[in-house]
Each structure stands twice: as structure tokens, then as C-alpha cells.
Amino acid sequence: MSHSLYTDETPASVKEAKGLHLITQNTPNGKKVQIFLEELKDVYGTEWTTTLIDIRTNEQKKDWFLRLNPNGRIPIVIDNTHSPPFTVMETSAELHYLLQKEDKDEKFGFTDALERSQALQWLFFWHGSGAPYQGQVNHFALYAPEKIPYAIERYRNETLRVYGVLEIHLSGKYTGEPREYLAGKGKGKYSVADIGTWPWVQGYGYSGFTDEDVKAFPHLLKWIARIAERPAVQRGIGEKYLPKQ
């Protein structure tokens, strides 16, 4: 092969893939793209193949992976319809790439410029202001060898603050009109903004937040439950993406 994306170390499932290929693990970030692909499948019959890796073994830090994403993070989308294959890193960019490539009828996006901007705002809000804080809660509260109370409290408080921002928006506190989804006119429309946010927020329990901690966010909790009912969401976080025993 003429390009240098793949080496002898690259898994066969990756370098032999055709069409869209996803390298992932069933983490909140992985779930974003998994869910969106499942949603696209339901609407358009979108097809892709998947390679599951275990980031606990630092597979994502190996040379074969870094050639595809120098940042060493999952997931990666590889579009093999291009030569050489086109790789996409960063979940918000991946959602946007798939939206442009696969969602011809804008079922999960918007044609109106202002609604499209609103969707990007909320997608970027969670990417930049939500996931980093909740991720640090997970690190310091669950994985750090030394439990540092200041760090845990700081990131817990920031995560709850961000939940509060979502609650303000969904409750219609300043507009007088409660919303069902993050972007779109009126009550909103289910879109990539929701898909890019939900996998993290719905995992508040894993991050150590109790029902008592989040009871101040009733509209956010309804939003979590509403999205959880979607068949594509259930598949996107389900058995298909769990490691084979």
C-alpha cells in the first residue's frame, strides 16, 4: 500500500475494512459515535464495521493507533471511500463529519442557519465545558491513586454547574418555553447536539453523583429518560459494543 496509515501492527479488521470503519470502546465518548451510526442506520441503512479496543491496556498509545489519531484517544472514524483513507478524530468533529456525509435529509441536523448554529453551540458547550469536568471527576474520584479532596470537590462542583446550565436551557427559565431537546425552534429537535451530550450526562451515577445530587435538574432528568427510550440509543450503548468474553 502506498500510504503510511497502516503497519504490520495495525489490526486486520482496521486495514482490511471497506467503507466507514469505527475504532471504539463503550465509553461515553465512544457511545456518542456508536449511537449516531445506529441512528443513521435506522434512517438511511448506513453500514460500517467496528474494531473494539481496550484503552485500559494503552492500545490507543501504540504506533499503529497514533498514525490514525496522534492524540491517542478513541473513537476514530475512518472513511475508506477515499484514497488514502480519511481519518476523523474528536467526537464532535466525527459527529459533524457523519452528519455531512450520511444525513442527507438533515434528520439529525438543521437546514436553518440559526438552528444549525444553536446545535453547534450546544455540541461545543458539552465538548469543551462538560466532558472535561466530568472526566476529571471520574479520574480523581475513581482512578487516581491518591484521593485529593480539593480536586474531587472542584470538578464535582463544576460538573454540577454545567448540569445546571443544561437545566436552565431545557427548563425554558428565561424563555418561558420548556424544551425537549437542546437545539431547534420551539421544544427543539433531537440532533447531534443531544447525541454528543447524553452519553456523559446519563452516566452521572458512574461518576459518583447520587439521585439527591441531581434532583435539582428535573428537566435534565426527563431529557435523559426521553433519549434513553430510543432504540438506536439502546443499541449504541449495548452488547454489540461490549468486549467478547
C-alpha atoms as a PDB file:
ATOM      1  CA  MET A   1       0.000   0.000   0.000  1.00  0.00           C
ATOM      2  CA  SER A   2       1.297   3.441  -0.911  1.00  0.00           C
ATOM      3  CA  HIS A   3       0.139   5.381   2.169  1.00  0.00           C
ATOM      4  CA  SER A   4       1.605   5.017   5.663  1.00  0.00           C
ATOM      5  CA  LEU A   5      -1.604   4.846   7.703  1.00  0.00           C
ATOM      6  CA  TYR A   6      -1.289   1.140   8.344  1.00  0.00           C
ATOM      7  CA  THR A   7       1.584  -1.063   9.509  1.00  0.00           C
ATOM      8  CA  ASP A   8       2.040  -4.725  10.284  1.00  0.00           C
ATOM      9  CA  GLU A   9       0.854  -3.889  13.806  1.00  0.00           C
ATOM     10  CA  THR A  10      -2.487  -2.489  12.600  1.00  0.00           C
ATOM     11  CA  PRO A  11      -5.345  -4.916  13.330  1.00  0.00           C
ATOM     12  CA  ALA A  12      -6.581  -6.709  10.215  1.00  0.00           C
ATOM     13  CA  SER A  13     -10.133  -5.535  10.957  1.00  0.00           C
ATOM     14  CA  VAL A  14      -8.895  -1.955  10.517  1.00  0.00           C
ATOM     15  CA  LYS A  15      -6.641  -2.177   7.485  1.00  0.00           C
ATOM     16  CA  GLU A  16      -8.922  -4.529   5.580  1.00  0.00           C
ATOM     17  CA  ALA A  17     -12.081  -2.515   6.222  1.00  0.00           C
ATOM     18  CA  LYS A  18     -14.198  -1.093   3.412  1.00  0.00           C
ATOM     19  CA  GLY A  19     -16.422   1.969   3.649  1.00  0.00           C
ATOM     20  CA  LEU A  20     -16.877   3.501   7.098  1.00  0.00           C
ATOM     21  CA  HIS A  21     -14.961   1.956   9.955  1.00  0.00           C
ATOM     22  CA  LEU A  22     -15.145   2.795  13.657  1.00  0.00           C
ATOM     23  CA  ILE A  23     -12.456   2.146  16.250  1.00  0.00           C
ATOM     24  CA  THR A  24     -14.080   2.490  19.646  1.00  0.00           C
ATOM     25  CA  GLN A  25     -14.695   1.369  23.191  1.00  0.00           C
ATOM     26  CA  ASN A  26     -18.004   1.604  25.043  1.00  0.00           C
ATOM     27  CA  THR A  27     -17.045   4.752  26.974  1.00  0.00           C
ATOM     28  CA  PRO A  28     -19.061   7.995  26.975  1.00  0.00           C
ATOM     29  CA  ASN A  29     -17.019   9.316  24.055  1.00  0.00           C
ATOM     30  CA  GLY A  30     -17.255   6.054  22.158  1.00  0.00           C
ATOM     31  CA  LYS A  31     -21.005   5.925  22.743  1.00  0.00           C
ATOM     32  CA  LYS A  32     -21.538   9.273  21.006  1.00  0.00           C
ATOM     33  CA  VAL A  33     -20.437   7.959  17.613  1.00  0.00           C
ATOM     34  CA  GLN A  34     -21.831   4.466  18.196  1.00  0.00           C
ATOM     35  CA  ILE A  35     -25.275   5.966  18.843  1.00  0.00           C
ATOM     36  CA  PHE A  36     -25.144   8.263  15.848  1.00  0.00           C
ATOM     37  CA  LEU A  37     -24.183   5.451  13.499  1.00  0.00           C
ATOM     38  CA  GLU A  38     -27.058   3.367  14.837  1.00  0.00           C
ATOM     39  CA  GLU A  39     -29.437   6.299  14.315  1.00  0.00           C
ATOM     40  CA  LEU A  40     -28.187   6.727  10.740  1.00  0.00           C
ATOM     41  CA  LYS A  41     -28.679   3.023  10.144  1.00  0.00           C
ATOM     42  CA  ASP A  42     -32.324   3.262  11.182  1.00  0.00           C
ATOM     43  CA  VAL A  43     -32.994   6.161   8.801  1.00  0.00           C
ATOM     44  CA  TYR A  44     -30.709   5.516   5.843  1.00  0.00           C
ATOM     45  CA  GLY A  45     -29.409   1.974   6.232  1.00  0.00           C
ATOM     46  CA  THR A  46     -25.886   3.289   6.846  1.00  0.00           C
ATOM     47  CA  GLU A  47     -23.335   0.495   7.096  1.00  0.00           C
ATOM     48  CA  TRP A  48     -19.985   0.404   8.871  1.00  0.00           C
ATOM     49  CA  THR A  49     -17.633  -2.032  10.536  1.00  0.00           C
ATOM     50  CA  THR A  50     -16.206  -1.802  14.021  1.00  0.00           C
ATOM     51  CA  THR A  51     -12.978  -2.588  15.834  1.00  0.00           C
ATOM     52  CA  LEU A  52     -13.209  -2.679  19.625  1.00  0.00           C
ATOM     53  CA  ILE A  53     -10.080  -1.949  21.639  1.00  0.00           C
ATOM     54  CA  ASP A  54      -9.324  -1.856  25.357  1.00  0.00           C
ATOM     55  CA  ILE A  55      -7.921   1.518  26.369  1.00  0.00           C
ATOM     56  CA  ARG A  56      -7.004   0.118  29.793  1.00  0.00           C
ATOM     57  CA  THR A  57      -4.111  -1.659  28.058  1.00  0.00           C
ATOM     58  CA  ASN A  58      -2.983   1.592  26.364  1.00  0.00           C
ATOM     59  CA  GLU A  59      -3.689   0.141  22.924  1.00  0.00           C
ATOM     60  CA  GLN A  60      -4.540   3.697  21.858  1.00  0.00           C
ATOM     61  CA  LYS A  61      -0.959   4.797  22.604  1.00  0.00           C
ATOM     62  CA  LYS A  62       0.640   2.319  20.218  1.00  0.00           C
ATOM     63  CA  ASP A  63       2.206   3.434  16.960  1.00  0.00           C
ATOM     64  CA  TRP A  64      -0.480   1.855  14.763  1.00  0.00           C
ATOM     65  CA  PHE A  65      -3.159   3.871  16.562  1.00  0.00           C
ATOM     66  CA  LEU A  66      -1.231   7.149  16.702  1.00  0.00           C
ATOM     67  CA  ARG A  67      -0.857   7.050  12.916  1.00  0.00           C
ATOM     68  CA  LEU A  68      -4.656   7.320  12.781  1.00  0.00           C
ATOM     69  CA  ASN A  69      -5.073   9.746  15.667  1.00  0.00           C
ATOM     70  CA  PRO A  70      -1.920  11.391  17.056  1.00  0.00           C
ATOM     71  CA  ASN A  71      -3.889  12.365  20.164  1.00  0.00           C
ATOM     72  CA  GLY A  72      -4.249   8.735  21.158  1.00  0.00           C
ATOM     73  CA  ARG A  73      -7.946   8.848  22.003  1.00  0.00           C
ATOM     74  CA  ILE A  74     -10.969   6.830  20.951  1.00  0.00           C
ATOM     75  CA  PRO A  75     -13.106   6.813  18.928  1.00  0.00           C
ATOM     76  CA  ILE A  76     -11.704   7.133  15.405  1.00  0.00           C
ATOM     77  CA  VAL A  77     -13.809   7.204  12.258  1.00  0.00           C
ATOM     78  CA  ILE A  78     -12.048   6.005   9.098  1.00  0.00           C
ATOM     79  CA  ASP A  79     -13.669   6.669   5.728  1.00  0.00           C
ATOM     80  CA  ASN A  80     -12.266   4.128   3.310  1.00  0.00           C
ATOM     81  CA  THR A  81     -14.194   5.544   0.364  1.00  0.00           C
ATOM     82  CA  HIS A  82     -11.250   7.946  -0.029  1.00  0.00           C
ATOM     83  CA  SER A  83      -7.733   7.036  -1.135  1.00  0.00           C
ATOM     84  CA  PRO A  84      -5.827   7.178   1.067  1.00  0.00           C
ATOM     85  CA  PRO A  85      -8.479   6.549   3.745  1.00  0.00           C
ATOM     86  CA  PHE A  86      -9.645   9.703   5.513  1.00  0.00           C
ATOM     87  CA  THR A  87      -9.428   9.640   9.308  1.00  0.00           C
ATOM     88  CA  VAL A  88     -11.516  11.736  11.689  1.00  0.00           C
ATOM     89  CA  MET A  89     -10.657  12.342  15.345  1.00  0.00           C
ATOM     90  CA  GLU A  90     -12.508  14.208  18.128  1.00  0.00           C
ATOM     91  CA  THR A  91     -16.096  13.172  18.733  1.00  0.00           C
ATOM     92  CA  SER A  92     -17.758  16.475  17.848  1.00  0.00           C
ATOM     93  CA  ALA A  93     -15.849  16.562  14.556  1.00  0.00           C
ATOM     94  CA  GLU A  94     -16.797  12.936  13.937  1.00  0.00           C
ATOM     95  CA  LEU A  95     -20.470  13.635  14.535  1.00  0.00           C
ATOM     96  CA  HIS A  96     -20.284  16.608  12.174  1.00  0.00           C
ATOM     97  CA  TYR A  97     -18.456  14.579   9.514  1.00  0.00           C
ATOM     98  CA  LEU A  98     -21.055  11.822   9.623  1.00  0.00           C
ATOM     99  CA  LEU A  99     -23.830  14.393   9.609  1.00  0.00           C
ATOM    100  CA  GLN A 100     -22.498  15.941   6.407  1.00  0.00           C
ATOM    101  CA  LYS A 101     -21.705  12.616   4.746  1.00  0.00           C
ATOM    102  CA  GLU A 102     -24.684  10.467   5.703  1.00  0.00           C
ATOM    103  CA  ASP A 103     -27.585  12.635   6.885  1.00  0.00           C
ATOM    104  CA  LYS A 104     -28.778  13.926   3.517  1.00  0.00           C
ATOM    105  CA  ASP A 105     -32.218  14.853   4.839  1.00  0.00           C
ATOM    106  CA  GLU A 106     -30.874  16.601   7.975  1.00  0.00           C
ATOM    107  CA  LYS A 107     -32.819  14.271  10.271  1.00  0.00           C
ATOM    108  CA  PHE A 108     -30.249  14.930  12.999  1.00  0.00           C
ATOM    109  CA  GLY A 109     -29.172  18.381  11.848  1.00  0.00           C
ATOM    110  CA  PHE A 110     -30.791  21.567  10.607  1.00  0.00           C
ATOM    111  CA  THR A 111     -31.187  23.449   7.332  1.00  0.00           C
ATOM    112  CA  ASP A 112     -31.925  26.762   9.055  1.00  0.00           C
ATOM    113  CA  ALA A 113     -28.674  28.640   9.714  1.00  0.00           C
ATOM    114  CA  LEU A 114     -29.646  29.791  13.197  1.00  0.00           C
ATOM    115  CA  GLU A 115     -30.810  26.359  14.298  1.00  0.00           C
ATOM    116  CA  ARG A 116     -27.620  24.871  12.885  1.00  0.00           C
ATOM    117  CA  SER A 117     -25.626  27.405  14.889  1.00  0.00           C
ATOM    118  CA  GLN A 118     -27.565  26.546  18.036  1.00  0.00           C
ATOM    119  CA  ALA A 119     -26.809  22.856  17.577  1.00  0.00           C
ATOM    120  CA  LEU A 120     -23.106  23.597  17.169  1.00  0.00           C
ATOM    121  CA  GLN A 121     -23.136  25.843  20.236  1.00  0.00           C
ATOM    122  CA  TRP A 122     -24.520  23.112  22.479  1.00  0.00           C
ATOM    123  CA  LEU A 123     -22.345  20.423  20.915  1.00  0.00           C
ATOM    124  CA  PHE A 124     -19.262  22.559  21.553  1.00  0.00           C
ATOM    125  CA  PHE A 125     -20.505  23.535  25.006  1.00  0.00           C
ATOM    126  CA  TRP A 126     -20.522  19.949  26.190  1.00  0.00           C
ATOM    127  CA  HIS A 127     -17.303  19.071  24.366  1.00  0.00           C
ATOM    128  CA  GLY A 128     -15.436  21.988  25.941  1.00  0.00           C
ATOM    129  CA  SER A 129     -17.247  22.639  29.224  1.00  0.00           C
ATOM    130  CA  GLY A 130     -18.934  19.395  30.206  1.00  0.00           C
ATOM    131  CA  ALA A 131     -16.948  16.310  29.280  1.00  0.00           C
ATOM    132  CA  PRO A 132     -13.603  17.657  30.577  1.00  0.00           C
ATOM    133  CA  TYR A 133     -15.060  18.380  34.017  1.00  0.00           C
ATOM    134  CA  GLN A 134     -16.967  15.119  34.358  1.00  0.00           C
ATOM    135  CA  GLY A 135     -13.944  13.250  33.050  1.00  0.00           C
ATOM    136  CA  GLN A 136     -11.829  14.764  35.798  1.00  0.00           C
ATOM    137  CA  VAL A 137     -14.432  13.744  38.368  1.00  0.00           C
ATOM    138  CA  ASN A 138     -14.040  10.187  37.146  1.00  0.00           C
ATOM    139  CA  HIS A 139     -10.256  10.410  37.279  1.00  0.00           C
ATOM    140  CA  PHE A 140      -9.838  11.948  40.705  1.00  0.00           C
ATOM    141  CA  ALA A 141     -12.742  10.167  42.404  1.00  0.00           C
ATOM    142  CA  LEU A 142     -12.401   6.719  40.825  1.00  0.00           C
ATOM    143  CA  TYR A 143      -8.946   6.138  39.386  1.00  0.00           C
ATOM    144  CA  ALA A 144      -6.350   8.431  40.955  1.00  0.00           C
ATOM    145  CA  PRO A 145      -4.032   6.527  43.313  1.00  0.00           C
ATOM    146  CA  GLU A 146      -4.258   9.447  45.733  1.00  0.00           C
ATOM    147  CA  LYS A 147      -7.661  10.890  46.589  1.00  0.00           C
ATOM    148  CA  ILE A 148      -7.283  14.685  46.634  1.00  0.00           C
ATOM    149  CA  PRO A 149     -10.378  16.229  48.241  1.00  0.00           C
ATOM    150  CA  TYR A 150      -9.847  19.649  46.658  1.00  0.00           C
ATOM    151  CA  ALA A 151      -9.661  18.199  43.135  1.00  0.00           C
ATOM    152  CA  ILE A 152     -12.680  15.961  43.640  1.00  0.00           C
ATOM    153  CA  GLU A 153     -14.774  18.787  45.079  1.00  0.00           C
ATOM    154  CA  ARG A 154     -13.717  21.253  42.401  1.00  0.00           C
ATOM    155  CA  TYR A 155     -14.607  19.019  39.479  1.00  0.00           C
ATOM    156  CA  ARG A 156     -17.792  17.730  41.106  1.00  0.00           C
ATOM    157  CA  ASN A 157     -18.961  21.310  41.621  1.00  0.00           C
ATOM    158  CA  GLU A 158     -18.066  22.305  38.069  1.00  0.00           C
ATOM    159  CA  THR A 159     -19.894  19.298  36.649  1.00  0.00           C
ATOM    160  CA  LEU A 160     -22.983  20.127  38.678  1.00  0.00           C
ATOM    161  CA  ARG A 161     -22.721  23.724  37.485  1.00  0.00           C
ATOM    162  CA  VAL A 162     -22.685  22.525  33.875  1.00  0.00           C
ATOM    163  CA  TYR A 163     -25.690  20.293  34.572  1.00  0.00           C
ATOM    164  CA  GLY A 164     -27.332  23.447  35.850  1.00  0.00           C
ATOM    165  CA  VAL A 165     -26.628  25.240  32.570  1.00  0.00           C
ATOM    166  CA  LEU A 166     -28.348  22.430  30.675  1.00  0.00           C
ATOM    167  CA  GLU A 167     -31.250  22.594  33.141  1.00  0.00           C
ATOM    168  CA  ILE A 168     -31.666  26.339  32.587  1.00  0.00           C
ATOM    169  CA  HIS A 169     -31.798  25.795  28.842  1.00  0.00           C
ATOM    170  CA  LEU A 170     -34.159  22.813  28.899  1.00  0.00           C
ATOM    171  CA  SER A 171     -36.460  24.336  31.509  1.00  0.00           C
ATOM    172  CA  GLY A 172     -37.001  27.498  29.483  1.00  0.00           C
ATOM    173  CA  LYS A 173     -36.238  29.519  32.593  1.00  0.00           C
ATOM    174  CA  TYR A 174     -35.518  32.671  30.605  1.00  0.00           C
ATOM    175  CA  THR A 175     -37.655  31.968  27.521  1.00  0.00           C
ATOM    176  CA  GLY A 176     -40.848  30.765  29.155  1.00  0.00           C
ATOM    177  CA  GLU A 177     -40.918  27.669  26.932  1.00  0.00           C
ATOM    178  CA  PRO A 178     -39.530  24.360  28.209  1.00  0.00           C
ATOM    179  CA  ARG A 179     -37.600  22.301  25.691  1.00  0.00           C
ATOM    180  CA  GLU A 180     -37.377  18.595  24.936  1.00  0.00           C
ATOM    181  CA  TYR A 181     -34.051  18.809  23.099  1.00  0.00           C
ATOM    182  CA  LEU A 182     -31.046  21.103  23.100  1.00  0.00           C
ATOM    183  CA  ALA A 183     -31.328  22.674  19.642  1.00  0.00           C
ATOM    184  CA  GLY A 184     -34.062  23.776  17.281  1.00  0.00           C
ATOM    185  CA  LYS A 185     -37.042  26.069  17.434  1.00  0.00           C
ATOM    186  CA  GLY A 186     -39.790  25.624  19.991  1.00  0.00           C
ATOM    187  CA  LYS A 187     -39.298  22.466  22.011  1.00  0.00           C
ATOM    188  CA  GLY A 188     -36.324  21.572  19.838  1.00  0.00           C
ATOM    189  CA  LYS A 189     -35.451  18.536  17.742  1.00  0.00           C
ATOM    190  CA  TYR A 190     -33.342  15.514  18.593  1.00  0.00           C
ATOM    191  CA  SER A 191     -29.990  16.193  16.970  1.00  0.00           C
ATOM    192  CA  VAL A 192     -26.244  15.678  17.141  1.00  0.00           C
ATOM    193  CA  ALA A 193     -26.216  18.214  19.984  1.00  0.00           C
ATOM    194  CA  ASP A 194     -28.137  15.740  22.150  1.00  0.00           C
ATOM    195  CA  ILE A 195     -26.178  12.744  20.887  1.00  0.00           C
ATOM    196  CA  GLY A 196     -22.909  14.471  21.761  1.00  0.00           C
ATOM    197  CA  THR A 197     -24.046  15.271  25.298  1.00  0.00           C
ATOM    198  CA  TRP A 198     -26.268  12.450  26.518  1.00  0.00           C
ATOM    199  CA  PRO A 199     -23.725   9.625  26.961  1.00  0.00           C
ATOM    200  CA  TRP A 200     -21.811  11.590  29.577  1.00  0.00           C
ATOM    201  CA  VAL A 201     -24.756  13.110  31.436  1.00  0.00           C
ATOM    202  CA  GLN A 202     -26.730   9.871  31.674  1.00  0.00           C
ATOM    203  CA  GLY A 203     -23.696   8.353  33.399  1.00  0.00           C
ATOM    204  CA  TYR A 204     -23.864  10.698  36.362  1.00  0.00           C
ATOM    205  CA  GLY A 205     -24.235   7.725  38.708  1.00  0.00           C
ATOM    206  CA  TYR A 206     -20.997   6.163  37.487  1.00  0.00           C
ATOM    207  CA  SER A 207     -19.276   9.471  38.246  1.00  0.00           C
ATOM    208  CA  GLY A 208     -20.480   9.241  41.834  1.00  0.00           C
ATOM    209  CA  PHE A 209     -23.411  11.646  41.710  1.00  0.00           C
ATOM    210  CA  THR A 210     -26.486  10.472  43.603  1.00  0.00           C
ATOM    211  CA  ASP A 211     -30.128  10.985  42.720  1.00  0.00           C
ATOM    212  CA  GLU A 212     -30.160  13.507  45.541  1.00  0.00           C
ATOM    213  CA  ASP A 213     -27.306  15.407  43.860  1.00  0.00           C
ATOM    214  CA  VAL A 214     -29.217  15.750  40.578  1.00  0.00           C
ATOM    215  CA  LYS A 215     -32.780  16.195  41.816  1.00  0.00           C
ATOM    216  CA  ALA A 216     -32.400  19.945  41.246  1.00  0.00           C
ATOM    217  CA  PHE A 217     -32.362  19.231  37.482  1.00  0.00           C
ATOM    218  CA  PRO A 218     -35.808  17.767  36.715  1.00  0.00           C
ATOM    219  CA  HIS A 219     -35.875  18.841  33.065  1.00  0.00           C
ATOM    220  CA  LEU A 220     -32.429  17.378  32.523  1.00  0.00           C
ATOM    221  CA  LEU A 221     -33.527  14.080  34.066  1.00  0.00           C
ATOM    222  CA  LYS A 222     -36.569  13.970  31.767  1.00  0.00           C
ATOM    223  CA  TRP A 223     -34.261  14.654  28.807  1.00  0.00           C
ATOM    224  CA  ILE A 224     -32.032  11.748  29.872  1.00  0.00           C
ATOM    225  CA  ALA A 225     -35.025   9.419  30.099  1.00  0.00           C
ATOM    226  CA  ARG A 226     -36.524  10.619  26.810  1.00  0.00           C
ATOM    227  CA  ILE A 227     -33.383   9.888  24.821  1.00  0.00           C
ATOM    228  CA  ALA A 228     -32.760   6.570  26.602  1.00  0.00           C
ATOM    229  CA  GLU A 229     -36.013   5.222  25.114  1.00  0.00           C
ATOM    230  CA  ARG A 230     -34.730   5.445  21.528  1.00  0.00           C
ATOM    231  CA  PRO A 231     -33.958   2.012  20.037  1.00  0.00           C
ATOM    232  CA  ALA A 232     -30.811   3.279  18.304  1.00  0.00           C
ATOM    233  CA  VAL A 233     -29.544   4.698  21.584  1.00  0.00           C
ATOM    234  CA  GLN A 234     -30.113   1.392  23.329  1.00  0.00           C
ATOM    235  CA  ARG A 235     -28.207  -0.435  20.593  1.00  0.00           C
ATOM    236  CA  GLY A 236     -25.473   2.202  20.556  1.00  0.00           C
ATOM    237  CA  ILE A 237     -24.570   1.556  24.180  1.00  0.00           C
ATOM    238  CA  GLY A 238     -25.433  -2.130  24.154  1.00  0.00           C
ATOM    239  CA  GLU A 239     -23.977  -5.587  23.800  1.00  0.00           C
ATOM    240  CA  LYS A 240     -22.669  -5.031  20.278  1.00  0.00           C
ATOM    241  CA  TYR A 241     -20.022  -2.693  21.706  1.00  0.00           C
ATOM    242  CA  LEU A 242     -19.004  -4.784  24.694  1.00  0.00           C
ATOM    243  CA  PRO A 243     -15.825  -6.883  24.532  1.00  0.00           C
ATOM    244  CA  LYS A 244     -16.380 -10.504  23.627  1.00  0.00           C
ATOM    245  CA  GLN A 245     -15.775 -12.842  26.539  1.00  0.00           C
END
